[in-house]
Amino acid sequence: MKERNHVGMLHPKQPGFVLVTGAYKKYSLMDYGISHFYQFDAECDFMTAIPDACVDILFYNTGTRLESRVAGTLLTKSEVETAGKCRHFGVRFLPGVNPVLKHRKMSELVSKEQSYEDMFDSNSERDQLFEALWKEESFEQRIKTFLLFYRKNYETQQEAYSLKSYLRKEIMASAGNLKLNELQEKTGYSLRYLNKVITEEFGMGPKELLRIIRFQNAIDELTKTVNRPDMTRAALDTGYYDQSHFIKDFKEFTSHTPSKYLNSLVTNSYQEKLKVITRM
């Protein structure tokens, strides 16, 4: 089995966002707790979302004002509303990173959407960010504007070391293939306490979290080879003990077998629609 997914290298994906939108752009950051930025023009009223253990912040231009929402991970495949046929700009955070920590617990975000405008300490801070994003026309400038704001808050919240940050790194490094008793041996904490910390930090219990992380690694692996997939190899490389286990989890999280899911990506020109920006 090949080694993959070093610490923090999970690239959470929502292929359903790409399929029903236009002008989809993505820029991977993998820093400051941010996985990537994305932008698209909504072409439908709904798009399909799958579990990813992540929190997203989404801004959308309605033509008269900039609106927003913060959305926690789903636990099952669901249809999520777009804000009509307008441009959307999004930020996806890495699993376990809560960008609105001072205002909402992670458990309060799971399977929910709330107004991001309510997550600010002051109206002036909120207005400054929203006005700046409203004025920017390019994807790249919106990224720079958001980062300038977010880094100030992110850097003041960082801890030199904490059990939570350690657990997050270990879980990400394992690509979801980690036993709780391994963490017990490494940290010296009881299983009960580790379960409590993980549930608070990620908004779900360790078993569900690890399943979603492993599933997202499988999605990542398969979308890289969407036109020439090797289902058996993908299952083994992402930690599933056999192909039937892989198919079972995949069907639970997407409502489709891996082959049917990949066929929908090919049929709907997933790779052609996804434009990845590599330089800023």
C-alpha atoms as a PDB file:
ATOM      1  CA  MET A   1       0.000   0.000   0.000  1.00  0.00           C
ATOM      2  CA  LYS A   2       1.495   3.321  -0.989  1.00  0.00           C
ATOM      3  CA  GLU A   3       2.024   6.070   1.537  1.00  0.00           C
ATOM      4  CA  ARG A   4      -0.090   9.169   1.015  1.00  0.00           C
ATOM      5  CA  ASN A   5      -1.715  12.121   2.715  1.00  0.00           C
ATOM      6  CA  HIS A   6       0.927  13.711   4.884  1.00  0.00           C
ATOM      7  CA  VAL A   7      -0.232  15.972   7.729  1.00  0.00           C
ATOM      8  CA  GLY A   8      -2.848  18.438   6.558  1.00  0.00           C
ATOM      9  CA  MET A   9      -2.793  17.199   2.956  1.00  0.00           C
ATOM     10  CA  LEU A  10      -6.416  16.103   2.678  1.00  0.00           C
ATOM     11  CA  HIS A  11      -8.034  18.020  -0.206  1.00  0.00           C
ATOM     12  CA  PRO A  12     -11.785  17.965   0.549  1.00  0.00           C
ATOM     13  CA  LYS A  13     -13.957  18.021  -2.562  1.00  0.00           C
ATOM     14  CA  GLN A  14     -17.534  18.748  -3.559  1.00  0.00           C
ATOM     15  CA  PRO A  15     -17.761  17.546  -7.188  1.00  0.00           C
ATOM     16  CA  GLY A  16     -21.497  18.267  -7.217  1.00  0.00           C
ATOM     17  CA  PHE A  17     -20.759  21.984  -6.963  1.00  0.00           C
ATOM     18  CA  VAL A  18     -18.772  21.850 -10.193  1.00  0.00           C
ATOM     19  CA  LEU A  19     -21.326  19.895 -12.210  1.00  0.00           C
ATOM     20  CA  VAL A  20     -24.241  22.348 -12.029  1.00  0.00           C
ATOM     21  CA  THR A  21     -22.355  25.644 -12.083  1.00  0.00           C
ATOM     22  CA  GLY A  22     -20.503  27.713 -14.650  1.00  0.00           C
ATOM     23  CA  ALA A  23     -17.109  29.413 -14.664  1.00  0.00           C
ATOM     24  CA  TYR A  24     -15.949  27.290 -11.708  1.00  0.00           C
ATOM     25  CA  LYS A  25     -12.528  28.304 -10.403  1.00  0.00           C
ATOM     26  CA  LYS A  26     -10.498  26.862  -7.552  1.00  0.00           C
ATOM     27  CA  TYR A  27      -7.318  27.918  -5.771  1.00  0.00           C
ATOM     28  CA  SER A  28      -5.746  25.595  -3.179  1.00  0.00           C
ATOM     29  CA  LEU A  29      -4.084  27.275  -0.210  1.00  0.00           C
ATOM     30  CA  MET A  30      -3.561  24.549   2.421  1.00  0.00           C
ATOM     31  CA  ASP A  31      -2.508  27.112   5.024  1.00  0.00           C
ATOM     32  CA  TYR A  32      -4.090  29.124   7.861  1.00  0.00           C
ATOM     33  CA  GLY A  33      -6.574  26.293   8.281  1.00  0.00           C
ATOM     34  CA  ILE A  34      -7.945  26.915   4.758  1.00  0.00           C
ATOM     35  CA  SER A  35      -8.166  24.136   2.191  1.00  0.00           C
ATOM     36  CA  HIS A  36      -9.072  26.237  -0.837  1.00  0.00           C
ATOM     37  CA  PHE A  37     -11.052  29.093  -2.337  1.00  0.00           C
ATOM     38  CA  TYR A  38     -13.603  28.635  -5.097  1.00  0.00           C
ATOM     39  CA  GLN A  39     -15.893  30.720  -7.284  1.00  0.00           C
ATOM     40  CA  PHE A  40     -18.765  29.839  -9.605  1.00  0.00           C
ATOM     41  CA  ASP A  41     -21.825  31.179 -11.395  1.00  0.00           C
ATOM     42  CA  ALA A  42     -24.887  29.289 -10.178  1.00  0.00           C
ATOM     43  CA  GLU A  43     -26.918  27.797 -13.040  1.00  0.00           C
ATOM     44  CA  CYS A  44     -29.440  25.843 -10.937  1.00  0.00           C
ATOM     45  CA  ASP A  45     -31.371  26.489  -7.740  1.00  0.00           C
ATOM     46  CA  PHE A  46     -29.779  23.468  -6.033  1.00  0.00           C
ATOM     47  CA  MET A  47     -26.511  21.544  -6.070  1.00  0.00           C
ATOM     48  CA  THR A  48     -25.505  18.258  -4.489  1.00  0.00           C
ATOM     49  CA  ALA A  49     -23.260  18.261  -1.422  1.00  0.00           C
ATOM     50  CA  ILE A  50     -21.585  15.278   0.229  1.00  0.00           C
ATOM     51  CA  PRO A  51     -20.008  14.890   3.701  1.00  0.00           C
ATOM     52  CA  ASP A  52     -16.535  16.449   3.973  1.00  0.00           C
ATOM     53  CA  ALA A  53     -16.110  17.344   7.701  1.00  0.00           C
ATOM     54  CA  CYS A  54     -15.492  20.957   6.644  1.00  0.00           C
ATOM     55  CA  VAL A  55     -16.981  24.378   7.253  1.00  0.00           C
ATOM     56  CA  ASP A  56     -17.537  26.682   4.261  1.00  0.00           C
ATOM     57  CA  ILE A  57     -18.107  30.420   4.129  1.00  0.00           C
ATOM     58  CA  LEU A  58     -19.960  31.452   0.988  1.00  0.00           C
ATOM     59  CA  PHE A  59     -20.510  34.967  -0.337  1.00  0.00           C
ATOM     60  CA  TYR A  60     -22.907  35.744  -3.173  1.00  0.00           C
ATOM     61  CA  ASN A  61     -23.611  38.867  -5.158  1.00  0.00           C
ATOM     62  CA  THR A  62     -27.355  39.349  -5.628  1.00  0.00           C
ATOM     63  CA  GLY A  63     -26.886  42.470  -7.728  1.00  0.00           C
ATOM     64  CA  THR A  64     -27.890  44.874  -4.970  1.00  0.00           C
ATOM     65  CA  ARG A  65     -25.751  43.664  -2.069  1.00  0.00           C
ATOM     66  CA  LEU A  66     -23.282  41.015  -0.953  1.00  0.00           C
ATOM     67  CA  GLU A  67     -24.869  38.310   1.173  1.00  0.00           C
ATOM     68  CA  SER A  68     -23.256  35.377   2.936  1.00  0.00           C
ATOM     69  CA  ARG A  69     -23.648  32.195   4.913  1.00  0.00           C
ATOM     70  CA  VAL A  70     -21.500  29.832   6.910  1.00  0.00           C
ATOM     71  CA  ALA A  71     -22.264  26.146   6.399  1.00  0.00           C
ATOM     72  CA  GLY A  72     -21.071  23.164   8.396  1.00  0.00           C
ATOM     73  CA  THR A  73     -20.491  19.691   7.034  1.00  0.00           C
ATOM     74  CA  LEU A  74     -23.372  17.466   6.105  1.00  0.00           C
ATOM     75  CA  LEU A  75     -23.514  13.912   7.407  1.00  0.00           C
ATOM     76  CA  THR A  76     -25.353  12.537   4.375  1.00  0.00           C
ATOM     77  CA  LYS A  77     -25.707  13.517   0.737  1.00  0.00           C
ATOM     78  CA  SER A  78     -28.098  16.470   0.414  1.00  0.00           C
ATOM     79  CA  GLU A  79     -29.329  19.074  -2.024  1.00  0.00           C
ATOM     80  CA  VAL A  80     -28.253  22.564  -0.959  1.00  0.00           C
ATOM     81  CA  GLU A  81     -29.716  25.798  -2.246  1.00  0.00           C
ATOM     82  CA  THR A  82     -27.777  28.300  -4.281  1.00  0.00           C
ATOM     83  CA  ALA A  83     -28.609  31.972  -3.978  1.00  0.00           C
ATOM     84  CA  GLY A  84     -30.146  32.143  -7.414  1.00  0.00           C
ATOM     85  CA  LYS A  85     -28.321  32.604 -10.695  1.00  0.00           C
ATOM     86  CA  CYS A  86     -25.531  34.840  -9.446  1.00  0.00           C
ATOM     87  CA  ARG A  87     -21.805  34.658  -8.722  1.00  0.00           C
ATOM     88  CA  HIS A  88     -20.696  32.838  -5.570  1.00  0.00           C
ATOM     89  CA  PHE A  89     -17.307  33.096  -3.845  1.00  0.00           C
ATOM     90  CA  GLY A  90     -16.448  30.455  -1.259  1.00  0.00           C
ATOM     91  CA  VAL A  91     -13.825  29.498   1.308  1.00  0.00           C
ATOM     92  CA  ARG A  92     -13.515  25.875   2.426  1.00  0.00           C
ATOM     93  CA  PHE A  93     -11.699  25.245   5.703  1.00  0.00           C
ATOM     94  CA  LEU A  94      -9.842  22.078   6.612  1.00  0.00           C
ATOM     95  CA  PRO A  95     -11.619  19.490   8.784  1.00  0.00           C
ATOM     96  CA  GLY A  96     -11.674  20.520  12.426  1.00  0.00           C
ATOM     97  CA  VAL A  97     -11.090  24.218  11.681  1.00  0.00           C
ATOM     98  CA  ASN A  98     -13.906  26.461  12.887  1.00  0.00           C
ATOM     99  CA  PRO A  99     -13.604  29.978  11.393  1.00  0.00           C
ATOM    100  CA  VAL A 100     -16.372  31.324  13.645  1.00  0.00           C
ATOM    101  CA  LEU A 101     -15.163  29.710  16.856  1.00  0.00           C
ATOM    102  CA  LYS A 102     -15.945  32.739  19.026  1.00  0.00           C
ATOM    103  CA  HIS A 103     -19.576  32.730  17.933  1.00  0.00           C
ATOM    104  CA  ARG A 104     -20.550  29.109  17.238  1.00  0.00           C
ATOM    105  CA  LYS A 105     -19.376  25.704  18.406  1.00  0.00           C
ATOM    106  CA  MET A 106     -18.565  23.189  15.698  1.00  0.00           C
ATOM    107  CA  SER A 107     -21.531  21.065  16.799  1.00  0.00           C
ATOM    108  CA  GLU A 108     -23.812  24.061  16.129  1.00  0.00           C
ATOM    109  CA  LEU A 109     -22.682  24.157  12.492  1.00  0.00           C
ATOM    110  CA  VAL A 110     -23.044  20.500  11.482  1.00  0.00           C
ATOM    111  CA  SER A 111     -25.786  20.118   8.839  1.00  0.00           C
ATOM    112  CA  LYS A 112     -26.746  23.788   9.281  1.00  0.00           C
ATOM    113  CA  GLU A 113     -26.403  27.069   7.416  1.00  0.00           C
ATOM    114  CA  GLN A 114     -26.333  30.405   9.223  1.00  0.00           C
ATOM    115  CA  SER A 115     -25.708  34.000   8.265  1.00  0.00           C
ATOM    116  CA  TYR A 116     -22.010  34.819   8.311  1.00  0.00           C
ATOM    117  CA  GLU A 117     -22.907  38.453   8.977  1.00  0.00           C
ATOM    118  CA  ASP A 118     -23.900  37.444  12.514  1.00  0.00           C
ATOM    119  CA  MET A 119     -20.406  36.115  13.278  1.00  0.00           C
ATOM    120  CA  PHE A 120     -18.566  39.414  13.795  1.00  0.00           C
ATOM    121  CA  ASP A 121     -17.490  41.191  16.968  1.00  0.00           C
ATOM    122  CA  SER A 122     -18.329  44.581  15.495  1.00  0.00           C
ATOM    123  CA  ASN A 123     -20.411  46.025  12.670  1.00  0.00           C
ATOM    124  CA  SER A 124     -17.471  48.067  11.435  1.00  0.00           C
ATOM    125  CA  GLU A 125     -15.322  44.935  11.080  1.00  0.00           C
ATOM    126  CA  ARG A 126     -18.096  43.207   9.132  1.00  0.00           C
ATOM    127  CA  ASP A 127     -18.807  46.209   6.910  1.00  0.00           C
ATOM    128  CA  GLN A 128     -15.142  46.669   6.096  1.00  0.00           C
ATOM    129  CA  LEU A 129     -14.799  43.100   4.826  1.00  0.00           C
ATOM    130  CA  PHE A 130     -18.080  43.057   2.912  1.00  0.00           C
ATOM    131  CA  GLU A 131     -17.475  46.423   1.253  1.00  0.00           C
ATOM    132  CA  ALA A 132     -13.999  45.342   0.186  1.00  0.00           C
ATOM    133  CA  LEU A 133     -15.274  42.059  -1.276  1.00  0.00           C
ATOM    134  CA  TRP A 134     -18.148  43.870  -2.999  1.00  0.00           C
ATOM    135  CA  LYS A 135     -15.724  46.155  -4.826  1.00  0.00           C
ATOM    136  CA  GLU A 136     -13.391  43.409  -6.017  1.00  0.00           C
ATOM    137  CA  GLU A 137     -14.176  41.951  -9.425  1.00  0.00           C
ATOM    138  CA  SER A 138     -11.565  39.218  -9.822  1.00  0.00           C
ATOM    139  CA  PHE A 139     -11.345  35.856  -8.074  1.00  0.00           C
ATOM    140  CA  GLU A 140      -7.711  36.510  -7.176  1.00  0.00           C
ATOM    141  CA  GLN A 141      -8.421  39.862  -5.546  1.00  0.00           C
ATOM    142  CA  ARG A 142     -11.287  38.432  -3.510  1.00  0.00           C
ATOM    143  CA  ILE A 143      -8.905  35.798  -2.179  1.00  0.00           C
ATOM    144  CA  LYS A 144      -6.351  38.425  -1.170  1.00  0.00           C
ATOM    145  CA  THR A 145      -9.039  40.567   0.457  1.00  0.00           C
ATOM    146  CA  PHE A 146     -10.452  37.699   2.507  1.00  0.00           C
ATOM    147  CA  LEU A 147      -6.993  36.491   3.551  1.00  0.00           C
ATOM    148  CA  LEU A 148      -5.975  39.959   4.711  1.00  0.00           C
ATOM    149  CA  PHE A 149      -8.992  40.004   7.023  1.00  0.00           C
ATOM    150  CA  TYR A 150      -8.888  36.373   8.129  1.00  0.00           C
ATOM    151  CA  ARG A 151      -5.191  36.129   8.937  1.00  0.00           C
ATOM    152  CA  LYS A 152      -5.498  38.819  11.595  1.00  0.00           C
ATOM    153  CA  ASN A 153      -8.112  36.791  13.435  1.00  0.00           C
ATOM    154  CA  TYR A 154      -6.468  33.440  12.764  1.00  0.00           C
ATOM    155  CA  GLU A 155      -3.100  34.480  14.166  1.00  0.00           C
ATOM    156  CA  THR A 156      -4.614  35.775  17.410  1.00  0.00           C
ATOM    157  CA  GLN A 157      -6.421  32.452  17.976  1.00  0.00           C
ATOM    158  CA  GLN A 158      -3.425  30.153  17.487  1.00  0.00           C
ATOM    159  CA  GLU A 159      -2.068  28.082  20.331  1.00  0.00           C
ATOM    160  CA  ALA A 160       1.536  26.927  20.471  1.00  0.00           C
ATOM    161  CA  TYR A 161       0.283  23.446  21.372  1.00  0.00           C
ATOM    162  CA  SER A 162      -2.996  21.905  22.345  1.00  0.00           C
ATOM    163  CA  LEU A 163      -4.441  18.425  22.484  1.00  0.00           C
ATOM    164  CA  LYS A 164      -7.020  19.466  19.912  1.00  0.00           C
ATOM    165  CA  SER A 165      -4.414  20.584  17.368  1.00  0.00           C
ATOM    166  CA  TYR A 166      -2.446  17.375  17.955  1.00  0.00           C
ATOM    167  CA  LEU A 167      -5.505  15.195  17.405  1.00  0.00           C
ATOM    168  CA  ARG A 168      -6.405  17.101  14.252  1.00  0.00           C
ATOM    169  CA  LYS A 169      -2.931  16.529  12.804  1.00  0.00           C
ATOM    170  CA  GLU A 170      -2.925  12.847  13.688  1.00  0.00           C
ATOM    171  CA  ILE A 171      -6.374  12.265  12.184  1.00  0.00           C
ATOM    172  CA  MET A 172      -5.486  14.100   8.971  1.00  0.00           C
ATOM    173  CA  ALA A 173      -2.127  12.330   8.673  1.00  0.00           C
ATOM    174  CA  SER A 174      -3.834   8.956   9.001  1.00  0.00           C
ATOM    175  CA  ALA A 175      -6.259   9.758   6.162  1.00  0.00           C
ATOM    176  CA  GLY A 176      -9.039   8.484   8.412  1.00  0.00           C
ATOM    177  CA  ASN A 177      -7.313   5.188   9.152  1.00  0.00           C
ATOM    178  CA  LEU A 178      -6.674   5.597  12.852  1.00  0.00           C
ATOM    179  CA  LYS A 179      -7.923   3.686  15.860  1.00  0.00           C
ATOM    180  CA  LEU A 180      -8.935   5.569  18.984  1.00  0.00           C
ATOM    181  CA  ASN A 181      -6.805   3.267  21.124  1.00  0.00           C
ATOM    182  CA  GLU A 182      -3.760   4.375  19.085  1.00  0.00           C
ATOM    183  CA  LEU A 183      -4.473   7.948  20.143  1.00  0.00           C
ATOM    184  CA  GLN A 184      -4.899   6.759  23.704  1.00  0.00           C
ATOM    185  CA  GLU A 185      -1.433   5.206  23.633  1.00  0.00           C
ATOM    186  CA  LYS A 186       0.139   8.301  22.067  1.00  0.00           C
ATOM    187  CA  THR A 187      -1.501  10.879  24.329  1.00  0.00           C
ATOM    188  CA  GLY A 188      -2.081   9.031  27.602  1.00  0.00           C
ATOM    189  CA  TYR A 189      -5.684  10.262  27.771  1.00  0.00           C
ATOM    190  CA  SER A 190      -8.642   7.949  28.305  1.00  0.00           C
ATOM    191  CA  LEU A 191     -10.841   6.833  25.415  1.00  0.00           C
ATOM    192  CA  ARG A 192     -13.794   8.617  27.000  1.00  0.00           C
ATOM    193  CA  TYR A 193     -11.937  11.921  27.181  1.00  0.00           C
ATOM    194  CA  LEU A 194     -10.572  11.614  23.621  1.00  0.00           C
ATOM    195  CA  ASN A 195     -14.076  10.911  22.350  1.00  0.00           C
ATOM    196  CA  LYS A 196     -15.310  14.055  24.116  1.00  0.00           C
ATOM    197  CA  VAL A 197     -12.535  16.264  22.685  1.00  0.00           C
ATOM    198  CA  ILE A 198     -12.950  14.974  19.124  1.00  0.00           C
ATOM    199  CA  THR A 199     -16.722  15.420  19.246  1.00  0.00           C
ATOM    200  CA  GLU A 200     -16.303  19.018  20.456  1.00  0.00           C
ATOM    201  CA  GLU A 201     -13.574  19.833  17.934  1.00  0.00           C
ATOM    202  CA  PHE A 202     -15.167  18.285  14.836  1.00  0.00           C
ATOM    203  CA  GLY A 203     -18.848  18.331  15.749  1.00  0.00           C
ATOM    204  CA  MET A 204     -19.200  14.545  15.487  1.00  0.00           C
ATOM    205  CA  GLY A 205     -17.908  11.394  17.126  1.00  0.00           C
ATOM    206  CA  PRO A 206     -14.583   9.854  16.078  1.00  0.00           C
ATOM    207  CA  LYS A 207     -16.115   6.889  14.233  1.00  0.00           C
ATOM    208  CA  GLU A 208     -18.219   9.105  11.948  1.00  0.00           C
ATOM    209  CA  LEU A 209     -15.378  11.572  11.485  1.00  0.00           C
ATOM    210  CA  LEU A 210     -12.849   8.930  10.446  1.00  0.00           C
ATOM    211  CA  ARG A 211     -15.322   7.425   7.972  1.00  0.00           C
ATOM    212  CA  ILE A 212     -15.880  10.800   6.329  1.00  0.00           C
ATOM    213  CA  ILE A 213     -12.150  11.577   6.171  1.00  0.00           C
ATOM    214  CA  ARG A 214     -11.429   8.181   4.588  1.00  0.00           C
ATOM    215  CA  PHE A 215     -14.317   8.659   2.138  1.00  0.00           C
ATOM    216  CA  GLN A 216     -13.076  12.118   1.148  1.00  0.00           C
ATOM    217  CA  ASN A 217      -9.625  10.681   0.494  1.00  0.00           C
ATOM    218  CA  ALA A 218     -11.278   8.147  -1.812  1.00  0.00           C
ATOM    219  CA  ILE A 219     -13.119  10.953  -3.634  1.00  0.00           C
ATOM    220  CA  ASP A 220      -9.812  12.804  -3.971  1.00  0.00           C
ATOM    221  CA  GLU A 221      -8.102   9.714  -5.365  1.00  0.00           C
ATOM    222  CA  LEU A 222     -10.861   8.905  -7.843  1.00  0.00           C
ATOM    223  CA  THR A 223     -11.319  12.423  -9.206  1.00  0.00           C
ATOM    224  CA  LYS A 224      -7.614  12.488 -10.085  1.00  0.00           C
ATOM    225  CA  THR A 225      -8.154   9.532 -12.410  1.00  0.00           C
ATOM    226  CA  VAL A 226     -11.791  10.066 -13.333  1.00  0.00           C
ATOM    227  CA  ASN A 227     -11.315   8.873 -16.942  1.00  0.00           C
ATOM    228  CA  ARG A 228      -9.240   5.788 -16.009  1.00  0.00           C
ATOM    229  CA  PRO A 229     -10.298   4.778 -12.503  1.00  0.00           C
ATOM    230  CA  ASP A 230      -9.037   1.698 -10.692  1.00  0.00           C
ATOM    231  CA  MET A 231     -11.670   1.025  -8.032  1.00  0.00           C
ATOM    232  CA  THR A 232      -9.774  -1.767  -6.316  1.00  0.00           C
ATOM    233  CA  ARG A 233      -6.561   0.222  -6.089  1.00  0.00           C
ATOM    234  CA  ALA A 234      -8.414   3.323  -4.863  1.00  0.00           C
ATOM    235  CA  ALA A 235     -10.120   1.284  -2.135  1.00  0.00           C
ATOM    236  CA  LEU A 236      -6.876  -0.252  -0.921  1.00  0.00           C
ATOM    237  CA  ASP A 237      -4.860   2.958  -1.133  1.00  0.00           C
ATOM    238  CA  THR A 238      -7.354   4.869   0.977  1.00  0.00           C
ATOM    239  CA  GLY A 239      -7.516   2.292   3.757  1.00  0.00           C
ATOM    240  CA  TYR A 240     -10.638   0.237   3.036  1.00  0.00           C
ATOM    241  CA  TYR A 241     -10.074  -3.384   3.962  1.00  0.00           C
ATOM    242  CA  ASP A 242     -11.951  -4.632   0.881  1.00  0.00           C
ATOM    243  CA  GLN A 243     -13.916  -3.342  -2.097  1.00  0.00           C
ATOM    244  CA  SER A 244     -17.323  -4.199  -0.628  1.00  0.00           C
ATOM    245  CA  HIS A 245     -16.578  -2.017   2.405  1.00  0.00           C
ATOM    246  CA  PHE A 246     -15.521   0.753   0.025  1.00  0.00           C
ATOM    247  CA  ILE A 247     -18.729   0.465  -2.004  1.00  0.00           C
ATOM    248  CA  LYS A 248     -20.896   0.380   1.126  1.00  0.00           C
ATOM    249  CA  ASP A 249     -19.475   3.651   2.480  1.00  0.00           C
ATOM    250  CA  PHE A 250     -19.559   5.253  -0.954  1.00  0.00           C
ATOM    251  CA  LYS A 251     -23.226   4.429  -1.462  1.00  0.00           C
ATOM    252  CA  GLU A 252     -24.077   5.716   2.002  1.00  0.00           C
ATOM    253  CA  PHE A 253     -22.398   9.077   1.379  1.00  0.00           C
ATOM    254  CA  THR A 254     -23.324   9.608  -2.301  1.00  0.00           C
ATOM    255  CA  SER A 255     -26.348   7.328  -2.905  1.00  0.00           C
ATOM    256  CA  HIS A 256     -24.366   5.772  -5.782  1.00  0.00           C
ATOM    257  CA  THR A 257     -21.763   3.098  -6.346  1.00  0.00           C
ATOM    258  CA  PRO A 258     -18.275   4.479  -7.106  1.00  0.00           C
ATOM    259  CA  SER A 259     -18.560   3.520 -10.780  1.00  0.00           C
ATOM    260  CA  LYS A 260     -21.975   5.198 -11.201  1.00  0.00           C
ATOM    261  CA  TYR A 261     -20.755   8.305  -9.364  1.00  0.00           C
ATOM    262  CA  LEU A 262     -17.673   8.569 -11.570  1.00  0.00           C
ATOM    263  CA  ASN A 263     -19.746   8.030 -14.677  1.00  0.00           C
ATOM    264  CA  SER A 264     -21.870  11.058 -13.737  1.00  0.00           C
ATOM    265  CA  LEU A 265     -18.686  13.144 -13.429  1.00  0.00           C
ATOM    266  CA  VAL A 266     -17.464  12.052 -16.865  1.00  0.00           C
ATOM    267  CA  THR A 267     -20.880  12.485 -18.483  1.00  0.00           C
ATOM    268  CA  ASN A 268     -21.217  15.996 -17.079  1.00  0.00           C
ATOM    269  CA  SER A 269     -17.658  17.030 -18.059  1.00  0.00           C
ATOM    270  CA  TYR A 270     -16.343  17.464 -14.516  1.00  0.00           C
ATOM    271  CA  GLN A 271     -12.691  17.892 -15.505  1.00  0.00           C
ATOM    272  CA  GLU A 272     -13.488  20.346 -18.289  1.00  0.00           C
ATOM    273  CA  LYS A 273     -15.636  22.512 -16.006  1.00  0.00           C
ATOM    274  CA  LEU A 274     -13.081  22.684 -13.180  1.00  0.00           C
ATOM    275  CA  LYS A 275     -10.467  25.399 -13.679  1.00  0.00           C
ATOM    276  CA  VAL A 276      -7.656  25.212 -11.121  1.00  0.00           C
ATOM    277  CA  ILE A 277      -5.679  28.399 -10.499  1.00  0.00           C
ATOM    278  CA  THR A 278      -2.109  27.582  -9.509  1.00  0.00           C
ATOM    279  CA  ARG A 279      -0.624  31.056  -9.157  1.00  0.00           C
ATOM    280  CA  MET A 280      -1.803  34.266  -7.550  1.00  0.00           C
END
